[in-house]
N, C-alpha and C. Protein backbone atom coordinates (compact mmCIF):
# COMPACT_ATOMS: atom_id res chain seq x y z
N MET A 1 232.76 -122.37 131.56
CA MET A 1 233.78 -123.03 130.76
C MET A 1 233.28 -124.38 130.26
N GLU A 2 232.64 -125.13 131.16
CA GLU A 2 232.14 -126.45 130.77
C GLU A 2 231.04 -126.33 129.73
N SER A 3 230.22 -125.28 129.84
CA SER A 3 229.14 -125.06 128.88
C SER A 3 229.70 -124.82 127.48
N THR A 4 230.77 -124.04 127.41
CA THR A 4 231.41 -123.76 126.12
C THR A 4 231.99 -125.03 125.52
N ASN A 5 232.62 -125.83 126.34
CA ASN A 5 233.21 -127.09 125.88
C ASN A 5 232.12 -128.06 125.42
N ASN A 6 231.01 -128.11 126.16
CA ASN A 6 229.89 -128.96 125.80
C ASN A 6 229.26 -128.51 124.48
N ASN A 7 229.15 -127.20 124.30
CA ASN A 7 228.60 -126.64 123.06
C ASN A 7 229.51 -127.00 121.88
N PHE A 8 230.82 -126.91 122.09
CA PHE A 8 231.77 -127.27 121.03
C PHE A 8 231.62 -128.75 120.68
N ASP A 9 231.49 -129.61 121.68
CA ASP A 9 231.34 -131.04 121.43
C ASP A 9 230.07 -131.33 120.63
N GLN A 10 228.99 -130.66 120.97
CA GLN A 10 227.74 -130.86 120.24
C GLN A 10 227.88 -130.41 118.79
N ARG A 11 228.49 -129.25 118.58
CA ARG A 11 228.69 -128.77 117.21
C ARG A 11 229.61 -129.69 116.43
N TYR A 12 230.65 -130.19 117.10
CA TYR A 12 231.59 -131.11 116.45
C TYR A 12 230.88 -132.39 116.04
N GLN A 13 230.06 -132.94 116.92
CA GLN A 13 229.32 -134.17 116.61
C GLN A 13 228.33 -133.95 115.47
N ALA A 14 227.67 -132.79 115.46
CA ALA A 14 226.74 -132.48 114.36
C ALA A 14 227.50 -132.36 113.04
N ALA A 15 228.65 -131.69 113.07
CA ALA A 15 229.45 -131.55 111.85
C ALA A 15 229.98 -132.90 111.38
N GLU A 16 230.40 -133.73 112.33
CA GLU A 16 230.89 -135.06 111.99
C GLU A 16 229.79 -135.91 111.36
N LYS A 17 228.58 -135.81 111.88
CA LYS A 17 227.44 -136.53 111.32
C LYS A 17 227.14 -136.07 109.89
N ARG A 18 227.21 -134.76 109.68
CA ARG A 18 226.95 -134.22 108.34
C ARG A 18 228.02 -134.68 107.35
N VAL A 19 229.27 -134.71 107.78
CA VAL A 19 230.36 -135.17 106.91
C VAL A 19 230.16 -136.63 106.54
N LYS A 20 229.74 -137.44 107.50
CA LYS A 20 229.48 -138.86 107.21
C LYS A 20 228.34 -139.01 106.21
N ARG A 21 227.31 -138.19 106.33
CA ARG A 21 226.20 -138.25 105.38
C ARG A 21 226.65 -137.84 103.99
N LEU A 22 227.47 -136.78 103.91
CA LEU A 22 228.01 -136.35 102.61
C LEU A 22 228.90 -137.43 102.00
N LYS A 23 229.75 -138.02 102.82
CA LYS A 23 230.63 -139.08 102.34
C LYS A 23 229.82 -140.27 101.82
N GLY A 24 228.76 -140.62 102.54
CA GLY A 24 227.88 -141.70 102.10
C GLY A 24 227.23 -141.40 100.76
N PHE A 25 226.79 -140.15 100.58
CA PHE A 25 226.17 -139.78 99.31
C PHE A 25 227.18 -139.83 98.17
N TYR A 26 228.36 -139.26 98.40
CA TYR A 26 229.37 -139.25 97.34
C TYR A 26 229.83 -140.67 96.99
N SER A 27 229.91 -141.55 97.97
CA SER A 27 230.24 -142.96 97.69
C SER A 27 229.15 -143.60 96.85
N HIS A 28 227.89 -143.31 97.19
CA HIS A 28 226.75 -143.83 96.45
C HIS A 28 226.79 -143.31 95.01
N LEU A 29 227.07 -142.02 94.84
CA LEU A 29 227.15 -141.42 93.50
C LEU A 29 228.27 -142.05 92.68
N LEU A 30 229.43 -142.25 93.30
CA LEU A 30 230.56 -142.86 92.59
C LEU A 30 230.23 -144.28 92.14
N ALA A 31 229.62 -145.05 93.02
CA ALA A 31 229.22 -146.42 92.66
C ALA A 31 228.22 -146.39 91.51
N TYR A 32 227.26 -145.46 91.56
CA TYR A 32 226.26 -145.32 90.50
C TYR A 32 226.93 -145.06 89.15
N VAL A 33 227.85 -144.12 89.14
CA VAL A 33 228.52 -143.76 87.88
C VAL A 33 229.35 -144.93 87.34
N ILE A 34 230.15 -145.54 88.20
CA ILE A 34 231.02 -146.64 87.75
C ILE A 34 230.22 -147.83 87.25
N VAL A 35 229.22 -148.24 88.02
CA VAL A 35 228.42 -149.41 87.63
C VAL A 35 227.66 -149.13 86.34
N ASN A 36 227.09 -147.94 86.20
CA ASN A 36 226.32 -147.65 84.99
C ASN A 36 227.20 -147.49 83.76
N ILE A 37 228.42 -147.01 83.93
CA ILE A 37 229.36 -146.97 82.80
C ILE A 37 229.69 -148.39 82.36
N MET A 38 229.89 -149.28 83.32
CA MET A 38 230.17 -150.68 82.98
C MET A 38 228.98 -151.31 82.27
N ILE A 39 227.77 -151.03 82.73
CA ILE A 39 226.57 -151.58 82.10
C ILE A 39 226.44 -151.06 80.67
N VAL A 40 226.70 -149.78 80.46
CA VAL A 40 226.63 -149.20 79.11
C VAL A 40 227.64 -149.89 78.20
N CYS A 41 228.86 -150.07 78.69
CA CYS A 41 229.89 -150.73 77.87
C CYS A 41 229.48 -152.16 77.51
N LEU A 42 228.95 -152.89 78.48
CA LEU A 42 228.50 -154.27 78.20
C LEU A 42 227.34 -154.30 77.22
N ASN A 43 226.41 -153.38 77.38
CA ASN A 43 225.26 -153.34 76.48
C ASN A 43 225.68 -152.97 75.06
N ILE A 44 226.61 -152.05 74.93
CA ILE A 44 227.09 -151.68 73.58
C ILE A 44 227.83 -152.86 72.95
N ARG A 45 228.60 -153.57 73.73
CA ARG A 45 229.34 -154.72 73.22
C ARG A 45 228.39 -155.81 72.72
N ASP A 46 227.25 -155.97 73.40
CA ASP A 46 226.31 -157.04 73.05
C ASP A 46 225.27 -156.65 72.02
N LEU A 47 225.36 -155.45 71.46
CA LEU A 47 224.38 -155.04 70.44
C LEU A 47 224.58 -155.85 69.16
N LYS A 48 223.46 -156.20 68.57
CA LYS A 48 223.50 -156.87 67.28
C LYS A 48 223.66 -155.81 66.19
N PRO A 49 224.17 -156.17 65.05
CA PRO A 49 224.34 -155.19 63.96
C PRO A 49 223.00 -154.53 63.61
N GLY A 50 222.99 -153.20 63.58
CA GLY A 50 221.79 -152.45 63.23
C GLY A 50 220.83 -152.24 64.38
N GLU A 51 221.08 -152.84 65.54
CA GLU A 51 220.18 -152.70 66.69
C GLU A 51 220.45 -151.37 67.40
N SER A 52 219.37 -150.71 67.81
CA SER A 52 219.49 -149.43 68.51
C SER A 52 219.83 -149.66 69.98
N TYR A 53 220.67 -148.79 70.52
CA TYR A 53 221.00 -148.88 71.94
C TYR A 53 219.85 -148.40 72.82
N PHE A 54 219.03 -147.53 72.29
CA PHE A 54 217.98 -146.87 73.07
C PHE A 54 216.77 -147.78 73.24
N GLN A 55 216.90 -148.73 74.15
CA GLN A 55 215.84 -149.64 74.53
C GLN A 55 215.68 -149.57 76.04
N PHE A 56 214.47 -149.85 76.52
CA PHE A 56 214.18 -149.70 77.94
C PHE A 56 215.12 -150.52 78.81
N GLN A 57 215.38 -151.76 78.43
CA GLN A 57 216.20 -152.63 79.27
C GLN A 57 217.62 -152.10 79.43
N ASN A 58 218.08 -151.27 78.52
CA ASN A 58 219.42 -150.69 78.65
C ASN A 58 219.47 -149.57 79.69
N PHE A 59 218.33 -149.02 80.05
CA PHE A 59 218.28 -147.91 80.99
C PHE A 59 217.58 -148.26 82.30
N PHE A 60 217.15 -149.50 82.43
CA PHE A 60 216.38 -149.93 83.59
C PHE A 60 217.13 -149.67 84.90
N THR A 61 218.35 -150.15 84.99
CA THR A 61 219.15 -150.00 86.22
C THR A 61 219.44 -148.53 86.50
N ALA A 62 219.88 -147.82 85.49
CA ALA A 62 220.22 -146.40 85.69
C ALA A 62 219.00 -145.60 86.14
N PHE A 63 217.83 -145.90 85.57
CA PHE A 63 216.63 -145.15 85.90
C PHE A 63 216.19 -145.38 87.34
N PHE A 64 216.02 -146.64 87.72
CA PHE A 64 215.51 -146.92 89.06
C PHE A 64 216.55 -146.66 90.15
N TRP A 65 217.80 -146.94 89.87
CA TRP A 65 218.85 -146.60 90.83
C TRP A 65 218.97 -145.08 90.93
N GLY A 66 218.76 -144.40 89.81
CA GLY A 66 218.78 -142.93 89.81
C GLY A 66 217.71 -142.34 90.70
N ILE A 67 216.54 -142.97 90.75
CA ILE A 67 215.49 -142.51 91.66
C ILE A 67 215.96 -142.65 93.10
N GLY A 68 216.57 -143.77 93.42
CA GLY A 68 217.12 -143.97 94.77
C GLY A 68 218.22 -142.97 95.09
N LEU A 69 219.08 -142.70 94.12
CA LEU A 69 220.16 -141.74 94.31
C LEU A 69 219.59 -140.33 94.51
N LEU A 70 218.57 -140.00 93.77
CA LEU A 70 217.91 -138.70 93.94
C LEU A 70 217.32 -138.57 95.35
N ALA A 71 216.67 -139.61 95.82
CA ALA A 71 216.11 -139.59 97.18
C ALA A 71 217.23 -139.44 98.21
N HIS A 72 218.34 -140.12 98.00
CA HIS A 72 219.48 -140.00 98.91
C HIS A 72 220.02 -138.57 98.89
N GLY A 73 220.13 -137.99 97.71
CA GLY A 73 220.61 -136.61 97.59
C GLY A 73 219.69 -135.61 98.27
N VAL A 74 218.39 -135.81 98.12
CA VAL A 74 217.44 -134.92 98.78
C VAL A 74 217.55 -135.06 100.29
N SER A 75 217.75 -136.28 100.79
CA SER A 75 217.88 -136.47 102.24
C SER A 75 219.14 -135.80 102.78
N VAL A 76 220.18 -135.71 101.97
CA VAL A 76 221.43 -135.10 102.42
C VAL A 76 221.44 -133.59 102.20
N PHE A 77 221.02 -133.15 101.01
CA PHE A 77 221.13 -131.73 100.65
C PHE A 77 219.82 -130.96 100.69
N GLY A 78 218.71 -131.65 100.47
CA GLY A 78 217.47 -130.93 100.19
C GLY A 78 216.47 -130.81 101.29
N HIS A 79 216.78 -131.23 102.50
CA HIS A 79 215.76 -131.16 103.54
C HIS A 79 215.37 -129.71 103.84
N HIS A 80 216.25 -128.76 103.57
CA HIS A 80 215.89 -127.36 103.77
C HIS A 80 215.14 -126.80 102.57
N LEU A 81 215.26 -127.44 101.43
CA LEU A 81 214.55 -126.96 100.24
C LEU A 81 213.04 -127.16 100.37
N ILE A 82 212.65 -128.26 100.97
CA ILE A 82 211.24 -128.59 101.07
C ILE A 82 210.57 -127.85 102.22
N PHE A 83 211.18 -127.92 103.39
CA PHE A 83 210.54 -127.36 104.58
C PHE A 83 211.13 -126.02 105.00
N GLY A 84 212.29 -125.66 104.55
CA GLY A 84 212.93 -124.44 104.99
C GLY A 84 213.63 -124.64 106.32
N LYS A 85 214.47 -123.69 106.68
CA LYS A 85 215.28 -123.85 107.88
C LYS A 85 214.45 -123.84 109.16
N ASN A 86 213.48 -122.97 109.26
CA ASN A 86 212.74 -122.81 110.50
C ASN A 86 211.31 -123.35 110.40
N TRP A 87 211.08 -124.28 109.51
CA TRP A 87 209.73 -124.79 109.28
C TRP A 87 209.13 -125.40 110.54
N GLU A 88 209.88 -126.24 111.23
CA GLU A 88 209.35 -126.90 112.43
C GLU A 88 208.97 -125.87 113.48
N GLU A 89 209.84 -124.91 113.70
CA GLU A 89 209.56 -123.89 114.72
C GLU A 89 208.33 -123.07 114.35
N ARG A 90 208.19 -122.69 113.08
CA ARG A 90 207.01 -121.93 112.64
C ARG A 90 205.74 -122.73 112.81
N LYS A 91 205.78 -124.02 112.48
CA LYS A 91 204.60 -124.87 112.61
C LYS A 91 204.21 -125.04 114.08
N ILE A 92 205.18 -125.20 114.95
CA ILE A 92 204.89 -125.34 116.38
C ILE A 92 204.19 -124.07 116.88
N LYS A 93 204.72 -122.92 116.52
CA LYS A 93 204.10 -121.65 116.93
C LYS A 93 202.69 -121.52 116.35
N GLU A 94 202.53 -121.94 115.09
CA GLU A 94 201.21 -121.87 114.45
C GLU A 94 200.20 -122.74 115.19
N PHE A 95 200.58 -123.97 115.49
CA PHE A 95 199.67 -124.87 116.20
C PHE A 95 199.37 -124.39 117.61
N MET A 96 200.40 -123.85 118.26
CA MET A 96 200.17 -123.32 119.61
C MET A 96 199.22 -122.13 119.57
N GLY A 97 199.37 -121.29 118.54
CA GLY A 97 198.47 -120.14 118.38
C GLY A 97 197.05 -120.58 118.12
N LYS A 98 196.86 -121.58 117.28
CA LYS A 98 195.51 -122.09 116.99
C LYS A 98 194.89 -122.71 118.23
N GLU A 99 195.69 -123.43 119.00
CA GLU A 99 195.17 -124.04 120.22
C GLU A 99 194.77 -122.96 121.22
N HIS A 100 195.56 -121.91 121.31
CA HIS A 100 195.24 -120.81 122.21
C HIS A 100 193.94 -120.12 121.79
N GLU A 101 193.75 -119.94 120.49
CA GLU A 101 192.50 -119.34 119.98
C GLU A 101 191.31 -120.24 120.29
N GLN A 102 191.47 -121.55 120.13
CA GLN A 102 190.39 -122.49 120.41
C GLN A 102 190.00 -122.43 121.88
N GLN A 103 190.96 -122.33 122.77
CA GLN A 103 190.66 -122.25 124.19
C GLN A 103 189.93 -120.96 124.51
N GLY A 104 190.27 -119.87 123.83
CA GLY A 104 189.60 -118.59 124.05
C GLY A 104 188.15 -118.60 123.60
N LYS A 105 187.82 -119.39 122.58
CA LYS A 105 186.46 -119.45 122.06
C LYS A 105 185.53 -120.16 123.04
N TRP A 106 186.05 -121.11 123.77
CA TRP A 106 185.22 -121.92 124.64
C TRP A 106 185.11 -121.36 126.07
N GLU A 107 185.89 -120.35 126.37
CA GLU A 107 185.83 -119.79 127.72
C GLU A 107 184.84 -118.67 127.82
């Protein structure tokens, strides 16, 4: 009975941690959108007659903050995309197998 309760607590804590990470990402995304909309509005307001909006300084914040947001998104959603679900376990078995083969060669 205690084992089942302990397992539930562990799963609950893992789920709670994941929800906090998702909430953090969505808060980051919301801030990104709101701040960049404000920057676009300010930049459009300050344009001189005939001046093009498409200049590097108008996209500087959105671009570099976007890189940070992308990294945050990958840390929350994409860790399985790069390594896969069982990557660590497969690598451990692979290294253990190689070590076992090396020991067999020297005996």
